Amino acid sequence: MINSTFEKWLEPGQDVPQPLVDELLRRYSTKEGYDIFPDVLPFFQMLRTKSSTEGTKPWPWKETVVGIITNSDDRVPGILESFGLKVGPRRVGTPDERTADVASEDDISFVVLSYDVGVEKPQREMFDAAIKSFEETLASRRDESDVQSWEKMYVGDSLEHDVVGASKAGWKALRLDREEQFRDSFKSKGKDLIQATVQIGDGSHYLKVSTIKNLGALSTIYPASGWLGKDSLEASGFESEKTA
């Protein structure tokens, strides 16, 4: 892949120098090669404390298990850790053999990679793999609660891969407006969670999709409150329906 990227600058038969290859692989396996959105680390800090500061609302769920579902390779956990997040080792085919006390300190309990599953979002297999990882997480904690008693909520920025994929797999889905497509709507309504009308497919169909301005807006959602309409179809999370 690196050679193909630099191909137009190489002479016939010439390869990218190995020291450059090594440096690129190192750089793009850590935070040095990426920017992180400003709401991400504060969101995880809020989950760690589960308490509100002045002027903010408390987290509405008693318990939250966070997992990542991504169309990417096995660099993802290391990249997240390089930003200071605690990522559990559980992946598809890789168990978490730590004690429950140690695992409880994780920001992210498991990571589902298309690299491991063999398909990509929006395929249902990706979301089903997350359910299995979640079941294993509960079992390792000796949590006897039924998986069905937890709300499955997926948050992502892609309409097709995240919102449509999660919805078809039976999840509640929220679109995260990273491209600020609905900036004016958020401002005019004075809310960080709106129902946005979007085009799908060939553009001849429209859907209302629950859309949030940033991850902080998740604190405005109330468990089992019907915040996601039936006519709606992208951090993922599992939340207990019991409020604090």
C-alpha atoms as a PDB file:
ATOM      1  CA  MET A   1       0.000   0.000   0.000  1.00  0.00           C
ATOM      2  CA  ILE A   2       2.820   2.418   0.853  1.00  0.00           C
ATOM      3  CA  ASN A   3       4.613   1.631  -2.396  1.00  0.00           C
ATOM      4  CA  SER A   4       1.427   2.242  -4.421  1.00  0.00           C
ATOM      5  CA  THR A   5       0.949   5.608  -2.689  1.00  0.00           C
ATOM      6  CA  PHE A   6       4.402   6.785  -3.732  1.00  0.00           C
ATOM      7  CA  GLU A   7       4.401   4.994  -7.088  1.00  0.00           C
ATOM      8  CA  LYS A   8       4.218   8.099  -9.268  1.00  0.00           C
ATOM      9  CA  TRP A   9       7.384   9.479  -7.647  1.00  0.00           C
ATOM     10  CA  LEU A  10       9.386   6.267  -7.972  1.00  0.00           C
ATOM     11  CA  GLU A  11      11.560   5.130 -10.821  1.00  0.00           C
ATOM     12  CA  PRO A  12      10.627   1.808 -12.500  1.00  0.00           C
ATOM     13  CA  GLY A  13      11.651  -1.023 -10.185  1.00  0.00           C
ATOM     14  CA  GLN A  14      12.375   1.364  -7.328  1.00  0.00           C
ATOM     15  CA  ASP A  15      10.846   0.763  -3.864  1.00  0.00           C
ATOM     16  CA  VAL A  16      10.147   3.199  -1.062  1.00  0.00           C
ATOM     17  CA  PRO A  17      13.208   3.274   1.247  1.00  0.00           C
ATOM     18  CA  GLN A  18      12.677   0.918   4.193  1.00  0.00           C
ATOM     19  CA  PRO A  19      13.453   3.580   6.862  1.00  0.00           C
ATOM     20  CA  LEU A  20      10.616   5.711   5.432  1.00  0.00           C
ATOM     21  CA  VAL A  21       8.256   2.720   5.424  1.00  0.00           C
ATOM     22  CA  ASP A  22       9.113   1.987   9.060  1.00  0.00           C
ATOM     23  CA  GLU A  23       8.570   5.616  10.066  1.00  0.00           C
ATOM     24  CA  LEU A  24       5.197   5.833   8.299  1.00  0.00           C
ATOM     25  CA  LEU A  25       4.016   2.610   9.924  1.00  0.00           C
ATOM     26  CA  ARG A  26       5.104   3.869  13.328  1.00  0.00           C
ATOM     27  CA  ARG A  27       3.548   7.302  12.845  1.00  0.00           C
ATOM     28  CA  TYR A  28       0.174   5.998  11.681  1.00  0.00           C
ATOM     29  CA  SER A  29       0.009   3.478  14.505  1.00  0.00           C
ATOM     30  CA  THR A  30      -0.049   6.262  17.120  1.00  0.00           C
ATOM     31  CA  LYS A  31      -1.742   9.598  17.707  1.00  0.00           C
ATOM     32  CA  GLU A  32       1.056  11.335  15.754  1.00  0.00           C
ATOM     33  CA  GLY A  33      -0.747  10.533  12.519  1.00  0.00           C
ATOM     34  CA  TYR A  34      -4.213  11.641  13.590  1.00  0.00           C
ATOM     35  CA  ASP A  35      -6.300  14.406  15.127  1.00  0.00           C
ATOM     36  CA  ILE A  36      -8.965  13.642  17.712  1.00  0.00           C
ATOM     37  CA  PHE A  37     -12.253  15.547  17.860  1.00  0.00           C
ATOM     38  CA  PRO A  38     -12.372  17.879  20.891  1.00  0.00           C
ATOM     39  CA  ASP A  39     -15.461  16.222  22.406  1.00  0.00           C
ATOM     40  CA  VAL A  40     -14.021  12.683  22.582  1.00  0.00           C
ATOM     41  CA  LEU A  41     -11.684  12.800  25.585  1.00  0.00           C
ATOM     42  CA  PRO A  42     -14.098  14.924  27.689  1.00  0.00           C
ATOM     43  CA  PHE A  43     -16.833  12.401  26.898  1.00  0.00           C
ATOM     44  CA  PHE A  44     -14.788   9.522  28.288  1.00  0.00           C
ATOM     45  CA  GLN A  45     -13.736  11.611  31.263  1.00  0.00           C
ATOM     46  CA  MET A  46     -17.421  12.203  31.988  1.00  0.00           C
ATOM     47  CA  LEU A  47     -18.117   8.472  31.820  1.00  0.00           C
ATOM     48  CA  ARG A  48     -15.291   7.826  34.254  1.00  0.00           C
ATOM     49  CA  THR A  49     -16.707  10.173  36.844  1.00  0.00           C
ATOM     50  CA  LYS A  50     -20.418   9.720  35.961  1.00  0.00           C
ATOM     51  CA  SER A  51     -21.051  13.035  37.630  1.00  0.00           C
ATOM     52  CA  SER A  52     -21.973  16.388  36.227  1.00  0.00           C
ATOM     53  CA  THR A  53     -20.174  19.650  36.590  1.00  0.00           C
ATOM     54  CA  GLU A  54     -21.944  22.944  36.985  1.00  0.00           C
ATOM     55  CA  GLY A  55     -24.060  23.780  33.956  1.00  0.00           C
ATOM     56  CA  THR A  56     -24.149  20.253  32.537  1.00  0.00           C
ATOM     57  CA  LYS A  57     -26.593  17.376  32.854  1.00  0.00           C
ATOM     58  CA  PRO A  58     -25.646  14.102  34.550  1.00  0.00           C
ATOM     59  CA  TRP A  59     -25.192  10.929  32.534  1.00  0.00           C
ATOM     60  CA  PRO A  60     -28.691   9.401  32.361  1.00  0.00           C
ATOM     61  CA  TRP A  61     -27.734   5.704  32.552  1.00  0.00           C
ATOM     62  CA  LYS A  62     -26.645   3.808  35.641  1.00  0.00           C
ATOM     63  CA  GLU A  63     -24.233   1.570  33.741  1.00  0.00           C
ATOM     64  CA  THR A  64     -22.544   1.937  30.364  1.00  0.00           C
ATOM     65  CA  VAL A  65     -20.386  -0.467  28.387  1.00  0.00           C
ATOM     66  CA  VAL A  66     -18.592   1.118  25.443  1.00  0.00           C
ATOM     67  CA  GLY A  67     -17.309  -0.749  22.407  1.00  0.00           C
ATOM     68  CA  ILE A  68     -15.872   0.289  19.058  1.00  0.00           C
ATOM     69  CA  ILE A  69     -17.172  -1.082  15.733  1.00  0.00           C
ATOM     70  CA  THR A  70     -14.929  -0.020  12.875  1.00  0.00           C
ATOM     71  CA  ASN A  71     -14.065  -0.811   9.272  1.00  0.00           C
ATOM     72  CA  SER A  72     -10.365  -0.793  10.031  1.00  0.00           C
ATOM     73  CA  ASP A  73      -7.368  -2.904  10.973  1.00  0.00           C
ATOM     74  CA  ASP A  74      -5.649  -3.911  14.184  1.00  0.00           C
ATOM     75  CA  ARG A  75      -3.879  -0.578  14.677  1.00  0.00           C
ATOM     76  CA  VAL A  76      -7.066   0.948  16.115  1.00  0.00           C
ATOM     77  CA  PRO A  77      -6.686  -0.154  19.779  1.00  0.00           C
ATOM     78  CA  GLY A  78      -3.113   1.117  19.913  1.00  0.00           C
ATOM     79  CA  ILE A  79      -4.051   4.439  18.358  1.00  0.00           C
ATOM     80  CA  LEU A  80      -6.839   4.944  20.879  1.00  0.00           C
ATOM     81  CA  GLU A  81      -4.495   4.061  23.731  1.00  0.00           C
ATOM     82  CA  SER A  82      -1.936   6.567  22.474  1.00  0.00           C
ATOM     83  CA  PHE A  83      -4.574   9.268  23.074  1.00  0.00           C
ATOM     84  CA  GLY A  84      -4.773   8.203  26.707  1.00  0.00           C
ATOM     85  CA  LEU A  85      -7.825   5.931  26.556  1.00  0.00           C
ATOM     86  CA  LYS A  86      -7.872   2.567  28.313  1.00  0.00           C
ATOM     87  CA  VAL A  87      -8.824  -0.109  25.773  1.00  0.00           C
ATOM     88  CA  GLY A  88      -9.576  -3.684  26.816  1.00  0.00           C
ATOM     89  CA  PRO A  89      -7.952  -6.519  24.843  1.00  0.00           C
ATOM     90  CA  ARG A  90     -11.262  -8.183  23.897  1.00  0.00           C
ATOM     91  CA  ARG A  91     -11.648  -8.581  20.129  1.00  0.00           C
ATOM     92  CA  VAL A  92     -13.363 -11.104  17.889  1.00  0.00           C
ATOM     93  CA  GLY A  93     -11.470 -14.316  18.583  1.00  0.00           C
ATOM     94  CA  THR A  94      -9.405 -12.728  21.376  1.00  0.00           C
ATOM     95  CA  PRO A  95     -10.763 -13.121  24.934  1.00  0.00           C
ATOM     96  CA  ASP A  96     -10.152 -10.836  27.886  1.00  0.00           C
ATOM     97  CA  GLU A  97      -8.558 -12.952  30.610  1.00  0.00           C
ATOM     98  CA  ARG A  98      -8.089 -10.157  33.141  1.00  0.00           C
ATOM     99  CA  THR A  99      -9.981  -9.969  36.424  1.00  0.00           C
ATOM    100  CA  ALA A 100     -13.303  -8.119  36.531  1.00  0.00           C
ATOM    101  CA  ASP A 101     -11.805  -5.423  38.771  1.00  0.00           C
ATOM    102  CA  VAL A 102      -9.042  -4.673  36.290  1.00  0.00           C
ATOM    103  CA  ALA A 103     -11.409  -4.709  33.297  1.00  0.00           C
ATOM    104  CA  SER A 104     -13.786  -2.293  35.038  1.00  0.00           C
ATOM    105  CA  GLU A 105     -11.192   0.452  34.595  1.00  0.00           C
ATOM    106  CA  ASP A 106     -11.476   0.320  30.790  1.00  0.00           C
ATOM    107  CA  ASP A 107     -12.857   3.245  28.815  1.00  0.00           C
ATOM    108  CA  ILE A 108     -13.534   0.882  25.907  1.00  0.00           C
ATOM    109  CA  SER A 109     -14.395  -2.720  26.772  1.00  0.00           C
ATOM    110  CA  PHE A 110     -13.987  -4.269  23.337  1.00  0.00           C
ATOM    111  CA  VAL A 111     -13.149  -3.474  19.717  1.00  0.00           C
ATOM    112  CA  VAL A 112     -14.848  -5.074  16.702  1.00  0.00           C
ATOM    113  CA  LEU A 113     -12.701  -4.738  13.582  1.00  0.00           C
ATOM    114  CA  SER A 114     -13.727  -5.531  10.017  1.00  0.00           C
ATOM    115  CA  TYR A 115     -10.177  -6.914   9.839  1.00  0.00           C
ATOM    116  CA  ASP A 116     -11.271  -9.646  12.288  1.00  0.00           C
ATOM    117  CA  VAL A 117     -14.888 -10.195  11.220  1.00  0.00           C
ATOM    118  CA  GLY A 118     -14.182 -10.476   7.493  1.00  0.00           C
ATOM    119  CA  VAL A 119     -16.923  -8.053   6.413  1.00  0.00           C
ATOM    120  CA  GLU A 120     -17.449  -4.324   6.817  1.00  0.00           C
ATOM    121  CA  LYS A 121     -20.232  -2.105   8.083  1.00  0.00           C
ATOM    122  CA  PRO A 122     -23.078  -1.854   7.183  1.00  0.00           C
ATOM    123  CA  GLN A 123     -23.142  -5.674   7.126  1.00  0.00           C
ATOM    124  CA  ARG A 124     -25.121  -7.074  10.054  1.00  0.00           C
ATOM    125  CA  GLU A 125     -22.300  -9.448  10.999  1.00  0.00           C
ATOM    126  CA  MET A 126     -20.320  -6.500  12.357  1.00  0.00           C
ATOM    127  CA  PHE A 127     -23.071  -5.550  14.781  1.00  0.00           C
ATOM    128  CA  ASP A 128     -23.798  -9.155  15.723  1.00  0.00           C
ATOM    129  CA  ALA A 129     -20.105  -9.563  16.564  1.00  0.00           C
ATOM    130  CA  ALA A 130     -20.437  -6.581  18.905  1.00  0.00           C
ATOM    131  CA  ILE A 131     -23.391  -8.216  20.664  1.00  0.00           C
ATOM    132  CA  LYS A 132     -21.348 -11.355  21.204  1.00  0.00           C
ATOM    133  CA  SER A 133     -18.438  -9.317  22.561  1.00  0.00           C
ATOM    134  CA  PHE A 134     -20.843  -7.535  24.883  1.00  0.00           C
ATOM    135  CA  GLU A 135     -22.260 -10.838  26.136  1.00  0.00           C
ATOM    136  CA  GLU A 136     -18.720 -12.023  26.837  1.00  0.00           C
ATOM    137  CA  THR A 137     -17.991  -8.778  28.668  1.00  0.00           C
ATOM    138  CA  LEU A 138     -21.012  -9.228  30.933  1.00  0.00           C
ATOM    139  CA  ALA A 139     -20.082 -12.853  31.582  1.00  0.00           C
ATOM    140  CA  SER A 140     -16.527 -11.914  32.558  1.00  0.00           C
ATOM    141  CA  ARG A 141     -17.970  -9.437  35.073  1.00  0.00           C
ATOM    142  CA  ARG A 142     -20.274 -12.132  36.432  1.00  0.00           C
ATOM    143  CA  ASP A 143     -23.146  -9.841  35.513  1.00  0.00           C
ATOM    144  CA  GLU A 144     -26.227 -12.005  35.227  1.00  0.00           C
ATOM    145  CA  SER A 145     -28.428  -9.344  33.627  1.00  0.00           C
ATOM    146  CA  ASP A 146     -30.109 -10.251  30.344  1.00  0.00           C
ATOM    147  CA  VAL A 147     -28.510  -8.624  27.304  1.00  0.00           C
ATOM    148  CA  GLN A 148     -32.027  -7.747  26.138  1.00  0.00           C
ATOM    149  CA  SER A 149     -32.498  -5.547  29.219  1.00  0.00           C
ATOM    150  CA  TRP A 150     -29.793  -3.200  27.971  1.00  0.00           C
ATOM    151  CA  GLU A 151     -30.371  -0.511  25.365  1.00  0.00           C
ATOM    152  CA  LYS A 152     -28.135  -0.946  22.329  1.00  0.00           C
ATOM    153  CA  MET A 153     -27.189   2.468  20.982  1.00  0.00           C
ATOM    154  CA  TYR A 154     -24.792   3.077  18.130  1.00  0.00           C
ATOM    155  CA  VAL A 155     -23.296   6.479  17.369  1.00  0.00           C
ATOM    156  CA  GLY A 156     -21.436   7.241  14.134  1.00  0.00           C
ATOM    157  CA  ASP A 157     -21.039   9.801  11.382  1.00  0.00           C
ATOM    158  CA  SER A 158     -21.858   7.750   8.281  1.00  0.00           C
ATOM    159  CA  LEU A 159     -25.498   7.538   7.234  1.00  0.00           C
ATOM    160  CA  GLU A 160     -25.025   4.341   5.228  1.00  0.00           C
ATOM    161  CA  HIS A 161     -22.413   2.450   7.220  1.00  0.00           C
ATOM    162  CA  ASP A 162     -23.465   3.495  10.699  1.00  0.00           C
ATOM    163  CA  VAL A 163     -27.082   4.649  10.900  1.00  0.00           C
ATOM    164  CA  VAL A 164     -28.601   2.346   8.286  1.00  0.00           C
ATOM    165  CA  GLY A 165     -26.377  -0.587   9.237  1.00  0.00           C
ATOM    166  CA  ALA A 166     -27.082  -0.329  12.960  1.00  0.00           C
ATOM    167  CA  SER A 167     -30.804   0.191  12.474  1.00  0.00           C
ATOM    168  CA  LYS A 168     -31.168  -2.860  10.253  1.00  0.00           C
ATOM    169  CA  ALA A 169     -29.302  -4.893  12.878  1.00  0.00           C
ATOM    170  CA  GLY A 170     -31.855  -3.891  15.511  1.00  0.00           C
ATOM    171  CA  TRP A 171     -29.951  -1.104  17.266  1.00  0.00           C
ATOM    172  CA  LYS A 172     -31.025   2.400  18.118  1.00  0.00           C
ATOM    173  CA  ALA A 173     -28.881   4.667  15.947  1.00  0.00           C
ATOM    174  CA  LEU A 174     -27.680   8.231  16.233  1.00  0.00           C
ATOM    175  CA  ARG A 175     -25.888  10.164  13.562  1.00  0.00           C
ATOM    176  CA  LEU A 176     -23.035  12.321  14.767  1.00  0.00           C
ATOM    177  CA  ASP A 177     -22.873  15.481  12.637  1.00  0.00           C
ATOM    178  CA  ARG A 178     -19.097  15.681  12.254  1.00  0.00           C
ATOM    179  CA  GLU A 179     -19.347  17.587   8.964  1.00  0.00           C
ATOM    180  CA  GLU A 180     -21.595  20.231  10.575  1.00  0.00           C
ATOM    181  CA  GLN A 181     -24.246  19.670   7.922  1.00  0.00           C
ATOM    182  CA  PHE A 182     -26.986  20.627  10.384  1.00  0.00           C
ATOM    183  CA  ARG A 183     -25.176  23.424  12.209  1.00  0.00           C
ATOM    184  CA  ASP A 184     -27.904  25.956  11.440  1.00  0.00           C
ATOM    185  CA  SER A 185     -30.638  23.562  12.577  1.00  0.00           C
ATOM    186  CA  PHE A 186     -28.940  22.978  15.926  1.00  0.00           C
ATOM    187  CA  LYS A 187     -28.572  26.722  16.381  1.00  0.00           C
ATOM    188  CA  SER A 188     -32.127  27.663  15.378  1.00  0.00           C
ATOM    189  CA  LYS A 189     -33.698  24.982  17.595  1.00  0.00           C
ATOM    190  CA  GLY A 190     -31.360  25.596  20.497  1.00  0.00           C
ATOM    191  CA  LYS A 191     -30.780  21.856  20.889  1.00  0.00           C
ATOM    192  CA  ASP A 192     -27.897  19.445  20.397  1.00  0.00           C
ATOM    193  CA  LEU A 193     -30.227  16.541  19.492  1.00  0.00           C
ATOM    194  CA  ILE A 194     -32.574  16.978  16.520  1.00  0.00           C
ATOM    195  CA  GLN A 195     -34.568  14.922  14.040  1.00  0.00           C
ATOM    196  CA  ALA A 196     -32.907  15.691  10.690  1.00  0.00           C
ATOM    197  CA  THR A 197     -34.459  14.868   7.330  1.00  0.00           C
ATOM    198  CA  VAL A 198     -31.964  13.219   4.989  1.00  0.00           C
ATOM    199  CA  GLN A 199     -31.968  11.701   1.524  1.00  0.00           C
ATOM    200  CA  ILE A 200     -31.092   8.032   1.106  1.00  0.00           C
ATOM    201  CA  GLY A 201     -30.414   5.714  -1.784  1.00  0.00           C
ATOM    202  CA  ASP A 202     -30.807   7.437  -5.149  1.00  0.00           C
ATOM    203  CA  GLY A 203     -32.118  10.572  -3.461  1.00  0.00           C
ATOM    204  CA  SER A 204     -35.776   9.814  -4.055  1.00  0.00           C
ATOM    205  CA  HIS A 205     -36.424   8.730  -0.466  1.00  0.00           C
ATOM    206  CA  TYR A 206     -36.254  10.731   2.732  1.00  0.00           C
ATOM    207  CA  LEU A 207     -35.905   9.687   6.359  1.00  0.00           C
ATOM    208  CA  LYS A 208     -35.879  11.444   9.685  1.00  0.00           C
ATOM    209  CA  VAL A 209     -32.696  10.544  11.513  1.00  0.00           C
ATOM    210  CA  SER A 210     -31.899  11.349  15.145  1.00  0.00           C
ATOM    211  CA  THR A 211     -28.800  13.517  14.903  1.00  0.00           C
ATOM    212  CA  ILE A 212     -26.487  14.896  17.595  1.00  0.00           C
ATOM    213  CA  LYS A 213     -24.139  17.849  17.452  1.00  0.00           C
ATOM    214  CA  ASN A 214     -21.420  16.206  19.537  1.00  0.00           C
ATOM    215  CA  LEU A 215     -20.879  13.377  22.012  1.00  0.00           C
ATOM    216  CA  GLY A 216     -21.814  15.639  24.909  1.00  0.00           C
ATOM    217  CA  ALA A 217     -25.367  15.674  23.534  1.00  0.00           C
ATOM    218  CA  LEU A 218     -25.780  12.052  24.623  1.00  0.00           C
ATOM    219  CA  SER A 219     -26.404  13.309  28.161  1.00  0.00           C
ATOM    220  CA  THR A 220     -29.670  14.876  26.941  1.00  0.00           C
ATOM    221  CA  ILE A 221     -31.123  11.463  26.035  1.00  0.00           C
ATOM    222  CA  TYR A 222     -33.273   9.632  28.536  1.00  0.00           C
ATOM    223  CA  PRO A 223     -33.337   5.819  28.765  1.00  0.00           C
ATOM    224  CA  ALA A 224     -36.240   4.015  27.079  1.00  0.00           C
ATOM    225  CA  SER A 225     -37.898   7.362  26.412  1.00  0.00           C
ATOM    226  CA  GLY A 226     -38.690   6.853  22.749  1.00  0.00           C
ATOM    227  CA  TRP A 227     -36.165   9.483  21.698  1.00  0.00           C
ATOM    228  CA  LEU A 228     -35.643   7.632  18.416  1.00  0.00           C
ATOM    229  CA  GLY A 229     -38.710   7.654  16.181  1.00  0.00           C
ATOM    230  CA  LYS A 230     -39.910   4.545  14.367  1.00  0.00           C
ATOM    231  CA  ASP A 231     -39.307   6.272  11.066  1.00  0.00           C
ATOM    232  CA  SER A 232     -35.628   6.770  11.893  1.00  0.00           C
ATOM    233  CA  LEU A 233     -33.048   4.487  10.993  1.00  0.00           C
ATOM    234  CA  GLU A 234     -23.247   5.874  13.912  1.00  0.00           C
ATOM    235  CA  ALA A 235     -17.742   5.640  20.375  1.00  0.00           C
ATOM    236  CA  SER A 236     -20.925   2.623  20.251  1.00  0.00           C
ATOM    237  CA  GLY A 237     -22.421   1.872  23.655  1.00  0.00           C
ATOM    238  CA  PHE A 238     -24.655  -0.364  25.676  1.00  0.00           C
ATOM    239  CA  GLU A 239     -26.615   1.317  28.427  1.00  0.00           C
ATOM    240  CA  SER A 240     -28.605  -0.096  31.301  1.00  0.00           C
ATOM    241  CA  GLU A 241     -32.231   1.043  31.280  1.00  0.00           C
ATOM    242  CA  LYS A 242     -32.015   1.717  35.009  1.00  0.00           C
ATOM    243  CA  THR A 243     -31.319   5.363  35.601  1.00  0.00           C
ATOM    244  CA  ALA A 244     -29.041   6.554  38.344  1.00  0.00           C
END
